[in-house]
């Protein structure tokens, strides 16, 4: 078992959904983070909701109520060994196309994908 940990950080809007799913999946589990949690068994997935921030040089979004704005930034950190992270990236290329991802490996430089 490899003890080397790699972190994959995925930033996206709260409303970012997965396309081309059945009606019931779109209705109940189409939010991108839920799909990542269900589809892949990572050692440590963490989902963070930003209190304020922006993506892609848009105006700042500030979270100040019980309801999230559809443009509120979300951050999903996936922590696992290098092999599993690379396999995740390969298997979910289509889902990752419209997100911003950063790969961090303790033995390498920060790589922006």
PDB file of N, CA and C in Angstrom:
ATOM      1  N   UNK A   1       0.847  -1.191   0.000  1.00  0.00           N
ATOM      2  CA  UNK A   1       0.000   0.000   0.000  1.00  0.00           C
ATOM      3  C   UNK A   1       0.882   1.241   0.000  1.00  0.00           C
ATOM      4  N   UNK A   2       0.567   2.107  -0.878  1.00  0.00           N
ATOM      5  CA  UNK A   2       1.334   3.338  -1.022  1.00  0.00           C
ATOM      6  C   UNK A   2       0.916   4.341   0.049  1.00  0.00           C
ATOM      7  N   UNK A   3       1.855   4.922   0.749  1.00  0.00           N
ATOM      8  CA  UNK A   3       1.561   5.858   1.818  1.00  0.00           C
ATOM      9  C   UNK A   3       1.616   7.307   1.346  1.00  0.00           C
ATOM     10  N   UNK A   4       2.025   7.552   0.127  1.00  0.00           N
ATOM     11  CA  UNK A   4       2.150   8.889  -0.422  1.00  0.00           C
ATOM     12  C   UNK A   4       0.768   9.466  -0.726  1.00  0.00           C
ATOM     13  N   UNK A   5       0.452  10.612  -0.179  1.00  0.00           N
ATOM     14  CA  UNK A   5      -0.856  11.222  -0.368  1.00  0.00           C
ATOM     15  C   UNK A   5      -0.793  12.330  -1.410  1.00  0.00           C
ATOM     16  N   UNK A   6      -1.839  12.398  -2.219  1.00  0.00           N
ATOM     17  CA  UNK A   6      -1.990  13.444  -3.217  1.00  0.00           C
ATOM     18  C   UNK A   6      -3.339  14.102  -2.987  1.00  0.00           C
ATOM     19  N   UNK A   7      -3.404  15.405  -3.200  1.00  0.00           N
ATOM     20  CA  UNK A   7      -4.650  16.149  -3.018  1.00  0.00           C
ATOM     21  C   UNK A   7      -5.101  16.684  -4.365  1.00  0.00           C
ATOM     22  N   UNK A   8      -6.362  16.445  -4.686  1.00  0.00           N
ATOM     23  CA  UNK A   8      -6.981  17.015  -5.875  1.00  0.00           C
ATOM     24  C   UNK A   8      -8.052  17.971  -5.396  1.00  0.00           C
ATOM     25  N   UNK A   9      -7.920  19.229  -5.750  1.00  0.00           N
ATOM     26  CA  UNK A   9      -8.891  20.247  -5.343  1.00  0.00           C
ATOM     27  C   UNK A   9      -9.712  20.629  -6.563  1.00  0.00           C
ATOM     28  N   UNK A  10     -11.044  20.561  -6.433  1.00  0.00           N
ATOM     29  CA  UNK A  10     -11.959  20.868  -7.528  1.00  0.00           C
ATOM     30  C   UNK A  10     -12.847  22.025  -7.089  1.00  0.00           C
ATOM     31  N   UNK A  11     -12.820  23.125  -7.827  1.00  0.00           N
ATOM     32  CA  UNK A  11     -13.654  24.292  -7.536  1.00  0.00           C
ATOM     33  C   UNK A  11     -14.740  24.405  -8.594  1.00  0.00           C
ATOM     34  N   UNK A  12     -15.981  24.672  -8.150  1.00  0.00           N
ATOM     35  CA  UNK A  12     -17.112  24.773  -9.068  1.00  0.00           C
ATOM     36  C   UNK A  12     -18.239  25.547  -8.401  1.00  0.00           C
ATOM     37  N   UNK A  13     -19.232  25.962  -9.183  1.00  0.00           N
ATOM     38  CA  UNK A  13     -20.412  26.638  -8.654  1.00  0.00           C
ATOM     39  C   UNK A  13     -21.312  25.629  -7.954  1.00  0.00           C
ATOM     40  N   UNK A  14     -22.044  26.084  -6.941  1.00  0.00           N
ATOM     41  CA  UNK A  14     -22.970  25.223  -6.204  1.00  0.00           C
ATOM     42  C   UNK A  14     -23.992  24.578  -7.137  1.00  0.00           C
ATOM     43  N   UNK A  15     -24.422  25.294  -8.149  1.00  0.00           N
ATOM     44  CA  UNK A  15     -25.465  24.794  -9.047  1.00  0.00           C
ATOM     45  C   UNK A  15     -24.935  23.906 -10.166  1.00  0.00           C
ATOM     46  N   UNK A  16     -23.639  23.673 -10.197  1.00  0.00           N
ATOM     47  CA  UNK A  16     -23.055  22.866 -11.272  1.00  0.00           C
ATOM     48  C   UNK A  16     -23.628  21.449 -11.215  1.00  0.00           C
ATOM     49  N   UNK A  17     -24.288  21.042 -12.289  1.00  0.00           N
ATOM     50  CA  UNK A  17     -24.929  19.731 -12.319  1.00  0.00           C
ATOM     51  C   UNK A  17     -24.307  18.848 -13.389  1.00  0.00           C
ATOM     52  N   UNK A  18     -24.669  17.597 -13.341  1.00  0.00           N
ATOM     53  CA  UNK A  18     -24.189  16.614 -14.305  1.00  0.00           C
ATOM     54  C   UNK A  18     -25.236  16.470 -15.394  1.00  0.00           C
ATOM     55  N   UNK A  19     -24.810  16.573 -16.621  1.00  0.00           N
ATOM     56  CA  UNK A  19     -25.715  16.462 -17.764  1.00  0.00           C
ATOM     57  C   UNK A  19     -25.918  14.996 -18.134  1.00  0.00           C
ATOM     58  N   UNK A  20     -26.906  14.770 -18.991  1.00  0.00           N
ATOM     59  CA  UNK A  20     -27.181  13.450 -19.574  1.00  0.00           C
ATOM     60  C   UNK A  20     -27.408  12.370 -18.524  1.00  0.00           C
ATOM     61  N   UNK A  21     -28.297  12.649 -17.587  1.00  0.00           N
ATOM     62  CA  UNK A  21     -28.711  11.653 -16.612  1.00  0.00           C
ATOM     63  C   UNK A  21     -30.205  11.411 -16.767  1.00  0.00           C
ATOM     64  N   UNK A  22     -30.693  10.334 -16.184  1.00  0.00           N
ATOM     65  CA  UNK A  22     -32.122  10.056 -16.229  1.00  0.00           C
ATOM     66  C   UNK A  22     -32.876  11.116 -15.423  1.00  0.00           C
ATOM     67  N   UNK A  23     -34.176  11.167 -15.605  1.00  0.00           N
ATOM     68  CA  UNK A  23     -35.004  12.167 -14.930  1.00  0.00           C
ATOM     69  C   UNK A  23     -34.822  12.111 -13.421  1.00  0.00           C
ATOM     70  N   UNK A  24     -34.900  10.922 -12.820  1.00  0.00           N
ATOM     71  CA  UNK A  24     -34.820  10.805 -11.364  1.00  0.00           C
ATOM     72  C   UNK A  24     -33.441  11.169 -10.832  1.00  0.00           C
ATOM     73  N   UNK A  25     -32.423  10.816 -11.552  1.00  0.00           N
ATOM     74  CA  UNK A  25     -31.076  11.199 -11.121  1.00  0.00           C
ATOM     75  C   UNK A  25     -30.889  12.705 -11.205  1.00  0.00           C
ATOM     76  N   UNK A  26     -31.427  13.321 -12.253  1.00  0.00           N
ATOM     77  CA  UNK A  26     -31.346  14.785 -12.352  1.00  0.00           C
ATOM     78  C   UNK A  26     -32.099  15.442 -11.210  1.00  0.00           C
ATOM     79  N   UNK A  27     -33.230  14.858 -10.850  1.00  0.00           N
ATOM     80  CA  UNK A  27     -34.073  15.440  -9.811  1.00  0.00           C
ATOM     81  C   UNK A  27     -33.439  15.338  -8.423  1.00  0.00           C
ATOM     82  N   UNK A  28     -32.824  14.197  -8.102  1.00  0.00           N
ATOM     83  CA  UNK A  28     -32.371  13.956  -6.741  1.00  0.00           C
ATOM     84  C   UNK A  28     -30.866  13.997  -6.524  1.00  0.00           C
ATOM     85  N   UNK A  29     -30.081  13.715  -7.523  1.00  0.00           N
ATOM     86  CA  UNK A  29     -28.641  13.627  -7.234  1.00  0.00           C
ATOM     87  C   UNK A  29     -27.785  14.116  -8.391  1.00  0.00           C
ATOM     88  N   UNK A  30     -28.116  15.240  -8.939  1.00  0.00           N
ATOM     89  CA  UNK A  30     -27.355  15.704 -10.094  1.00  0.00           C
ATOM     90  C   UNK A  30     -26.266  16.714  -9.741  1.00  0.00           C
ATOM     91  N   UNK A  31     -26.213  17.165  -8.504  1.00  0.00           N
ATOM     92  CA  UNK A  31     -25.176  18.116  -8.117  1.00  0.00           C
ATOM     93  C   UNK A  31     -23.819  17.413  -8.197  1.00  0.00           C
ATOM     94  N   UNK A  32     -22.870  18.078  -8.776  1.00  0.00           N
ATOM     95  CA  UNK A  32     -21.571  17.485  -9.094  1.00  0.00           C
ATOM     96  C   UNK A  32     -20.897  16.818  -7.895  1.00  0.00           C
ATOM     97  N   UNK A  33     -20.916  17.462  -6.754  1.00  0.00           N
ATOM     98  CA  UNK A  33     -20.235  16.895  -5.587  1.00  0.00           C
ATOM     99  C   UNK A  33     -20.852  15.565  -5.166  1.00  0.00           C
ATOM    100  N   UNK A  34     -22.175  15.424  -5.252  1.00  0.00           N
ATOM    101  CA  UNK A  34     -22.825  14.165  -4.889  1.00  0.00           C
ATOM    102  C   UNK A  34     -22.403  13.047  -5.833  1.00  0.00           C
ATOM    103  N   UNK A  35     -22.279  13.376  -7.102  1.00  0.00           N
ATOM    104  CA  UNK A  35     -21.859  12.377  -8.088  1.00  0.00           C
ATOM    105  C   UNK A  35     -20.443  11.899  -7.774  1.00  0.00           C
ATOM    106  N   UNK A  36     -19.552  12.829  -7.442  1.00  0.00           N
ATOM    107  CA  UNK A  36     -18.180  12.442  -7.095  1.00  0.00           C
ATOM    108  C   UNK A  36     -18.148  11.564  -5.842  1.00  0.00           C
ATOM    109  N   UNK A  37     -18.952  11.905  -4.839  1.00  0.00           N
ATOM    110  CA  UNK A  37     -18.975  11.111  -3.609  1.00  0.00           C
ATOM    111  C   UNK A  37     -19.467   9.691  -3.861  1.00  0.00           C
ATOM    112  N   UNK A  38     -20.506   9.566  -4.673  1.00  0.00           N
ATOM    113  CA  UNK A  38     -21.105   8.256  -4.917  1.00  0.00           C
ATOM    114  C   UNK A  38     -20.288   7.398  -5.871  1.00  0.00           C
ATOM    115  N   UNK A  39     -19.712   8.015  -6.869  1.00  0.00           N
ATOM    116  CA  UNK A  39     -19.053   7.267  -7.935  1.00  0.00           C
ATOM    117  C   UNK A  39     -17.667   6.763  -7.542  1.00  0.00           C
ATOM    118  N   UNK A  40     -16.958   7.518  -6.738  1.00  0.00           N
ATOM    119  CA  UNK A  40     -15.573   7.179  -6.428  1.00  0.00           C
ATOM    120  C   UNK A  40     -15.392   7.002  -4.930  1.00  0.00           C
ATOM    121  N   UNK A  41     -14.628   6.006  -4.575  1.00  0.00           N
ATOM    122  CA  UNK A  41     -14.378   5.706  -3.174  1.00  0.00           C
ATOM    123  C   UNK A  41     -12.987   6.217  -2.797  1.00  0.00           C
ATOM    124  N   UNK A  42     -12.913   7.485  -2.452  1.00  0.00           N
ATOM    125  CA  UNK A  42     -11.644   8.097  -2.076  1.00  0.00           C
ATOM    126  C   UNK A  42     -11.407   7.922  -0.576  1.00  0.00           C
ATOM    127  N   UNK A  43     -10.145   7.991  -0.184  1.00  0.00           N
ATOM    128  CA  UNK A  43      -9.808   7.864   1.237  1.00  0.00           C
ATOM    129  C   UNK A  43     -10.421   8.989   2.063  1.00  0.00           C
ATOM    130  N   UNK A  44     -10.315  10.210   1.554  1.00  0.00           N
ATOM    131  CA  UNK A  44     -10.800  11.348   2.325  1.00  0.00           C
ATOM    132  C   UNK A  44     -11.359  12.426   1.405  1.00  0.00           C
ATOM    133  N   UNK A  45     -12.677  12.422   1.144  1.00  0.00           N
ATOM    134  CA  UNK A  45     -13.282  13.517   0.385  1.00  0.00           C
ATOM    135  C   UNK A  45     -13.828  14.576   1.349  1.00  0.00           C
ATOM    136  N   UNK A  46     -13.575  15.834   1.067  1.00  0.00           N
ATOM    137  CA  UNK A  46     -14.072  16.939   1.886  1.00  0.00           C
ATOM    138  C   UNK A  46     -14.731  17.963   0.982  1.00  0.00           C
ATOM    139  N   UNK A  47     -15.953  18.345   1.312  1.00  0.00           N
ATOM    140  CA  UNK A  47     -16.677  19.348   0.546  1.00  0.00           C
ATOM    141  C   UNK A  47     -16.808  20.600   1.399  1.00  0.00           C
ATOM    142  N   UNK A  48     -16.358  21.729   0.853  1.00  0.00           N
ATOM    143  CA  UNK A  48     -16.414  23.003   1.561  1.00  0.00           C
ATOM    144  C   UNK A  48     -17.309  23.974   0.798  1.00  0.00           C
ATOM    145  N   UNK A  49     -18.148  24.687   1.529  1.00  0.00           N
ATOM    146  CA  UNK A  49     -18.949  25.754   0.950  1.00  0.00           C
ATOM    147  C   UNK A  49     -18.286  27.068   1.333  1.00  0.00           C
ATOM    148  N   UNK A  50     -17.979  27.877   0.361  1.00  0.00           N
ATOM    149  CA  UNK A  50     -17.319  29.159   0.630  1.00  0.00           C
ATOM    150  C   UNK A  50     -18.312  30.147   1.225  1.00  0.00           C
ATOM    151  N   UNK A  51     -17.868  30.889   2.237  1.00  0.00           N
ATOM    152  CA  UNK A  51     -18.709  31.962   2.780  1.00  0.00           C
ATOM    153  C   UNK A  51     -18.724  33.147   1.829  1.00  0.00           C
ATOM    154  N   UNK A  52     -17.624  33.349   1.144  1.00  0.00           N
ATOM    155  CA  UNK A  52     -17.564  34.379   0.107  1.00  0.00           C
ATOM    156  C   UNK A  52     -16.436  34.014  -0.847  1.00  0.00           C
ATOM    157  N   UNK A  53     -16.565  34.487  -2.065  1.00  0.00           N
ATOM    158  CA  UNK A  53     -15.545  34.197  -3.061  1.00  0.00           C
ATOM    159  C   UNK A  53     -16.109  34.312  -4.457  1.00  0.00           C
ATOM    160  N   UNK A  54     -15.283  34.000  -5.439  1.00  0.00           N
ATOM    161  CA  UNK A  54     -15.734  34.022  -6.828  1.00  0.00           C
ATOM    162  C   UNK A  54     -14.891  33.065  -7.642  1.00  0.00           C
ATOM    163  N   UNK A  55     -15.428  32.663  -8.779  1.00  0.00           N
ATOM    164  CA  UNK A  55     -14.731  31.800  -9.717  1.00  0.00           C
ATOM    165  C   UNK A  55     -14.667  32.497 -11.059  1.00  0.00           C
ATOM    166  N   UNK A  56     -13.631  32.232 -11.822  1.00  0.00           N
ATOM    167  CA  UNK A  56     -13.493  32.740 -13.196  1.00  0.00           C
ATOM    168  C   UNK A  56     -13.621  34.257 -13.307  1.00  0.00           C
ATOM    169  N   UNK A  57     -13.056  34.985 -12.369  1.00  0.00           N
ATOM    170  CA  UNK A  57     -13.010  36.455 -12.390  1.00  0.00           C
ATOM    171  C   UNK A  57     -14.388  37.108 -12.419  1.00  0.00           C
ATOM    172  N   UNK A  58     -15.403  36.449 -11.869  1.00  0.00           N
ATOM    173  CA  UNK A  58     -16.735  37.044 -11.784  1.00  0.00           C
ATOM    174  C   UNK A  58     -16.795  37.937 -10.551  1.00  0.00           C
ATOM    175  N   UNK A  59     -17.948  38.560 -10.310  1.00  0.00           N
ATOM    176  CA  UNK A  59     -18.098  39.387  -9.115  1.00  0.00           C
ATOM    177  C   UNK A  59     -18.151  38.487  -7.884  1.00  0.00           C
ATOM    178  N   UNK A  60     -17.759  39.050  -6.748  1.00  0.00           N
ATOM    179  CA  UNK A  60     -17.700  38.270  -5.518  1.00  0.00           C
ATOM    180  C   UNK A  60     -19.112  37.884  -5.075  1.00  0.00           C
ATOM    181  N   UNK A  61     -19.250  36.647  -4.602  1.00  0.00           N
ATOM    182  CA  UNK A  61     -20.513  36.144  -4.067  1.00  0.00           C
ATOM    183  C   UNK A  61     -20.326  36.005  -2.561  1.00  0.00           C
ATOM    184  N   UNK A  62     -21.291  36.522  -1.806  1.00  0.00           N
ATOM    185  CA  UNK A  62     -21.210  36.457  -0.351  1.00  0.00           C
ATOM    186  C   UNK A  62     -22.388  35.647   0.167  1.00  0.00           C
ATOM    187  N   UNK A  63     -22.094  34.620   0.948  1.00  0.00           N
ATOM    188  CA  UNK A  63     -23.102  33.737   1.525  1.00  0.00           C
ATOM    189  C   UNK A  63     -23.511  34.315   2.868  1.00  0.00           C
ATOM    190  N   UNK A  64     -24.775  34.751   2.986  1.00  0.00           N
ATOM    191  CA  UNK A  64     -25.203  35.344   4.250  1.00  0.00           C
ATOM    192  C   UNK A  64     -26.617  34.930   4.650  1.00  0.00           C
ATOM    193  N   UNK A  65     -27.092  33.804   4.167  1.00  0.00           N
ATOM    194  CA  UNK A  65     -28.417  33.330   4.550  1.00  0.00           C
ATOM    195  C   UNK A  65     -28.402  31.810   4.633  1.00  0.00           C
ATOM    196  N   UNK A  66     -29.565  31.229   4.884  1.00  0.00           N
ATOM    197  CA  UNK A  66     -29.650  29.776   4.962  1.00  0.00           C
ATOM    198  C   UNK A  66     -29.656  29.134   3.584  1.00  0.00           C
ATOM    199  N   UNK A  67     -30.030  29.887   2.566  1.00  0.00           N
ATOM    200  CA  UNK A  67     -30.082  29.358   1.206  1.00  0.00           C
ATOM    201  C   UNK A  67     -28.841  29.775   0.436  1.00  0.00           C
ATOM    202  N   UNK A  68     -28.226  28.821  -0.231  1.00  0.00           N
ATOM    203  CA  UNK A  68     -27.035  29.119  -1.021  1.00  0.00           C
ATOM    204  C   UNK A  68     -27.420  29.695  -2.374  1.00  0.00           C
ATOM    205  N   UNK A  69     -26.649  30.644  -2.832  1.00  0.00           N
ATOM    206  CA  UNK A  69     -26.799  31.155  -4.188  1.00  0.00           C
ATOM    207  C   UNK A  69     -26.329  30.077  -5.155  1.00  0.00           C
ATOM    208  N   UNK A  70     -26.943  30.017  -6.323  1.00  0.00           N
ATOM    209  CA  UNK A  70     -26.546  29.010  -7.307  1.00  0.00           C
ATOM    210  C   UNK A  70     -25.121  29.241  -7.804  1.00  0.00           C
ATOM    211  N   UNK A  71     -24.606  30.451  -7.657  1.00  0.00           N
ATOM    212  CA  UNK A  71     -23.242  30.769  -8.091  1.00  0.00           C
ATOM    213  C   UNK A  71     -22.241  30.745  -6.937  1.00  0.00           C
ATOM    214  N   UNK A  72     -22.677  30.284  -5.768  1.00  0.00           N
ATOM    215  CA  UNK A  72     -21.785  30.217  -4.622  1.00  0.00           C
ATOM    216  C   UNK A  72     -20.649  29.223  -4.895  1.00  0.00           C
ATOM    217  N   UNK A  73     -19.401  29.602  -4.647  1.00  0.00           N
ATOM    218  CA  UNK A  73     -18.283  28.687  -4.901  1.00  0.00           C
ATOM    219  C   UNK A  73     -18.277  27.500  -3.935  1.00  0.00           C
ATOM    220  N   UNK A  74     -18.003  26.334  -4.472  1.00  0.00           N
ATOM    221  CA  UNK A  74     -17.853  25.109  -3.691  1.00  0.00           C
ATOM    222  C   UNK A  74     -16.444  24.579  -3.943  1.00  0.00           C
ATOM    223  N   UNK A  75     -15.910  23.875  -2.979  1.00  0.00           N
ATOM    224  CA  UNK A  75     -14.581  23.289  -3.125  1.00  0.00           C
ATOM    225  C   UNK A  75     -14.637  21.847  -2.639  1.00  0.00           C
ATOM    226  N   UNK A  76     -14.219  20.942  -3.491  1.00  0.00           N
ATOM    227  CA  UNK A  76     -14.158  19.532  -3.135  1.00  0.00           C
ATOM    228  C   UNK A  76     -12.693  19.111  -3.125  1.00  0.00           C
ATOM    229  N   UNK A  77     -12.210  18.687  -1.961  1.00  0.00           N
ATOM    230  CA  UNK A  77     -10.844  18.172  -1.833  1.00  0.00           C
ATOM    231  C   UNK A  77     -10.907  16.657  -1.761  1.00  0.00           C
ATOM    232  N   UNK A  78     -10.176  16.006  -2.638  1.00  0.00           N
ATOM    233  CA  UNK A  78     -10.082  14.548  -2.626  1.00  0.00           C
ATOM    234  C   UNK A  78      -8.652  14.175  -2.262  1.00  0.00           C
ATOM    235  N   UNK A  79      -8.501  13.403  -1.211  1.00  0.00           N
ATOM    236  CA  UNK A  79      -7.179  13.020  -0.735  1.00  0.00           C
ATOM    237  C   UNK A  79      -7.051  11.503  -0.828  1.00  0.00           C
ATOM    238  N   UNK A  80      -6.046  11.064  -1.540  1.00  0.00           N
ATOM    239  CA  UNK A  80      -5.811   9.627  -1.719  1.00  0.00           C
ATOM    240  C   UNK A  80      -4.397   9.439  -2.251  1.00  0.00           C
ATOM    241  N   UNK A  81      -4.031   8.217  -2.600  1.00  0.00           N
ATOM    242  CA  UNK A  81      -2.703   8.010  -3.169  1.00  0.00           C
ATOM    243  C   UNK A  81      -2.694   8.456  -4.632  1.00  0.00           C
ATOM    244  N   UNK A  82      -1.514   8.630  -5.155  1.00  0.00           N
ATOM    245  CA  UNK A  82      -1.334   9.172  -6.502  1.00  0.00           C
ATOM    246  C   UNK A  82      -2.043   8.335  -7.567  1.00  0.00           C
ATOM    247  N   UNK A  83      -1.967   7.039  -7.436  1.00  0.00           N
ATOM    248  CA  UNK A  83      -2.575   6.127  -8.413  1.00  0.00           C
ATOM    249  C   UNK A  83      -4.094   6.317  -8.483  1.00  0.00           C
ATOM    250  N   UNK A  84      -4.763   6.383  -7.329  1.00  0.00           N
ATOM    251  CA  UNK A  84      -6.220   6.552  -7.304  1.00  0.00           C
ATOM    252  C   UNK A  84      -6.647   7.921  -7.822  1.00  0.00           C
ATOM    253  N   UNK A  85      -5.881   8.956  -7.512  1.00  0.00           N
ATOM    254  CA  UNK A  85      -6.204  10.298  -8.008  1.00  0.00           C
ATOM    255  C   UNK A  85      -6.085  10.340  -9.525  1.00  0.00           C
ATOM    256  N   UNK A  86      -5.025   9.764 -10.074  1.00  0.00           N
ATOM    257  CA  UNK A  86      -4.867   9.742 -11.534  1.00  0.00           C
ATOM    258  C   UNK A  86      -5.991   8.958 -12.201  1.00  0.00           C
ATOM    259  N   UNK A  87      -6.394   7.851 -11.600  1.00  0.00           N
ATOM    260  CA  UNK A  87      -7.489   7.052 -12.139  1.00  0.00           C
ATOM    261  C   UNK A  87      -8.800   7.849 -12.091  1.00  0.00           C
ATOM    262  N   UNK A  88      -9.011   8.583 -11.000  1.00  0.00           N
ATOM    263  CA  UNK A  88     -10.195   9.428 -10.872  1.00  0.00           C
ATOM    264  C   UNK A  88     -10.237  10.477 -11.983  1.00  0.00           C
ATOM    265  N   UNK A  89      -9.113  11.131 -12.243  1.00  0.00           N
ATOM    266  CA  UNK A  89      -9.055  12.157 -13.289  1.00  0.00           C
ATOM    267  C   UNK A  89      -9.368  11.546 -14.650  1.00  0.00           C
ATOM    268  N   UNK A  90      -8.810  10.385 -14.934  1.00  0.00           N
ATOM    269  CA  UNK A  90      -9.064   9.720 -16.217  1.00  0.00           C
ATOM    270  C   UNK A  90     -10.531   9.338 -16.372  1.00  0.00           C
ATOM    271  N   UNK A  91     -11.133   8.808 -15.313  1.00  0.00           N
ATOM    272  CA  UNK A  91     -12.507   8.328 -15.388  1.00  0.00           C
ATOM    273  C   UNK A  91     -13.541   9.442 -15.364  1.00  0.00           C
ATOM    274  N   UNK A  92     -13.169  10.614 -14.924  1.00  0.00           N
ATOM    275  CA  UNK A  92     -14.150  11.694 -14.804  1.00  0.00           C
ATOM    276  C   UNK A  92     -13.771  12.927 -15.617  1.00  0.00           C
ATOM    277  N   UNK A  93     -13.062  12.736 -16.714  1.00  0.00           N
ATOM    278  CA  UNK A  93     -12.629  13.860 -17.552  1.00  0.00           C
ATOM    279  C   UNK A  93     -13.797  14.737 -17.986  1.00  0.00           C
ATOM    280  N   UNK A  94     -14.883  14.121 -18.428  1.00  0.00           N
ATOM    281  CA  UNK A  94     -16.037  14.888 -18.906  1.00  0.00           C
ATOM    282  C   UNK A  94     -16.652  15.721 -17.793  1.00  0.00           C
ATOM    283  N   UNK A  95     -16.713  15.180 -16.584  1.00  0.00           N
ATOM    284  CA  UNK A  95     -17.286  15.919 -15.457  1.00  0.00           C
ATOM    285  C   UNK A  95     -16.389  17.075 -15.029  1.00  0.00           C
ATOM    286  N   UNK A  96     -15.093  16.926 -15.231  1.00  0.00           N
ATOM    287  CA  UNK A  96     -14.136  17.941 -14.788  1.00  0.00           C
ATOM    288  C   UNK A  96     -13.898  19.051 -15.805  1.00  0.00           C
ATOM    289  N   UNK A  97     -14.438  18.920 -17.012  1.00  0.00           N
ATOM    290  CA  UNK A  97     -14.166  19.900 -18.069  1.00  0.00           C
ATOM    291  C   UNK A  97     -14.560  21.322 -17.687  1.00  0.00           C
ATOM    292  N   UNK A  98     -15.682  21.488 -17.022  1.00  0.00           N
ATOM    293  CA  UNK A  98     -16.149  22.837 -16.716  1.00  0.00           C
ATOM    294  C   UNK A  98     -15.843  23.251 -15.276  1.00  0.00           C
ATOM    295  N   UNK A  99     -14.896  22.588 -14.644  1.00  0.00           N
ATOM    296  CA  UNK A  99     -14.484  22.957 -13.295  1.00  0.00           C
ATOM    297  C   UNK A  99     -13.043  23.451 -13.327  1.00  0.00           C
ATOM    298  N   UNK A 100     -12.603  23.975 -12.213  1.00  0.00           N
ATOM    299  CA  UNK A 100     -11.211  24.380 -12.078  1.00  0.00           C
ATOM    300  C   UNK A 100     -10.573  23.400 -11.101  1.00  0.00           C
ATOM    301  N   UNK A 101      -9.518  22.707 -11.538  1.00  0.00           N
ATOM    302  CA  UNK A 101      -8.893  21.736 -10.644  1.00  0.00           C
ATOM    303  C   UNK A 101      -7.419  22.059 -10.443  1.00  0.00           C
ATOM    304  N   UNK A 102      -6.948  21.727  -9.246  1.00  0.00           N
ATOM    305  CA  UNK A 102      -5.537  21.892  -8.899  1.00  0.00           C
ATOM    306  C   UNK A 102      -5.087  20.593  -8.248  1.00  0.00           C
ATOM    307  N   UNK A 103      -3.986  20.056  -8.723  1.00  0.00           N
ATOM    308  CA  UNK A 103      -3.435  18.813  -8.197  1.00  0.00           C
ATOM    309  C   UNK A 103      -2.205  19.138  -7.365  1.00  0.00           C
ATOM    310  N   UNK A 104      -2.167  18.645  -6.128  1.00  0.00           N
ATOM    311  CA  UNK A 104      -1.041  18.899  -5.236  1.00  0.00           C
ATOM    312  C   UNK A 104      -0.455  17.558  -4.809  1.00  0.00           C
ATOM    313  N   UNK A 105       0.823  17.382  -5.073  1.00  0.00           N
ATOM    314  CA  UNK A 105       1.537  16.173  -4.686  1.00  0.00           C
ATOM    315  C   UNK A 105       2.730  16.619  -3.854  1.00  0.00           C
ATOM    316  N   UNK A 106       2.948  16.012  -2.694  1.00  0.00           N
ATOM    317  CA  UNK A 106       4.060  16.451  -1.843  1.00  0.00           C
ATOM    318  C   UNK A 106       5.426  16.350  -2.512  1.00  0.00           C
ATOM    319  N   UNK A 107       5.556  15.497  -3.516  1.00  0.00           N
ATOM    320  CA  UNK A 107       6.846  15.301  -4.176  1.00  0.00           C
ATOM    321  C   UNK A 107       6.999  16.101  -5.459  1.00  0.00           C
ATOM    322  N   UNK A 108       6.049  16.945  -5.769  1.00  0.00           N
ATOM    323  CA  UNK A 108       6.130  17.696  -7.021  1.00  0.00           C
ATOM    324  C   UNK A 108       5.645  19.119  -6.825  1.00  0.00           C
ATOM    325  N   UNK A 109       5.721  19.884  -7.892  1.00  0.00           N
ATOM    326  CA  UNK A 109       5.226  21.252  -7.865  1.00  0.00           C
ATOM    327  C   UNK A 109       3.707  21.233  -7.962  1.00  0.00           C
ATOM    328  N   UNK A 110       3.094  22.386  -7.711  1.00  0.00           N
ATOM    329  CA  UNK A 110       1.650  22.507  -7.895  1.00  0.00           C
ATOM    330  C   UNK A 110       1.376  22.532  -9.389  1.00  0.00           C
ATOM    331  N   UNK A 111       0.443  21.700  -9.806  1.00  0.00           N
ATOM    332  CA  UNK A 111       0.110  21.587 -11.225  1.00  0.00           C
ATOM    333  C   UNK A 111      -1.324  22.041 -11.417  1.00  0.00           C
ATOM    334  N   UNK A 112      -1.541  22.977 -12.301  1.00  0.00           N
ATOM    335  CA  UNK A 112      -2.903  23.414 -12.596  1.00  0.00           C
ATOM    336  C   UNK A 112      -3.376  22.663 -13.827  1.00  0.00           C
ATOM    337  N   UNK A 113      -4.485  21.957 -13.693  1.00  0.00           N
ATOM    338  CA  UNK A 113      -5.005  21.144 -14.796  1.00  0.00           C
ATOM    339  C   UNK A 113      -6.102  21.889 -15.547  1.00  0.00           C
TER     340      UNK A 113
END
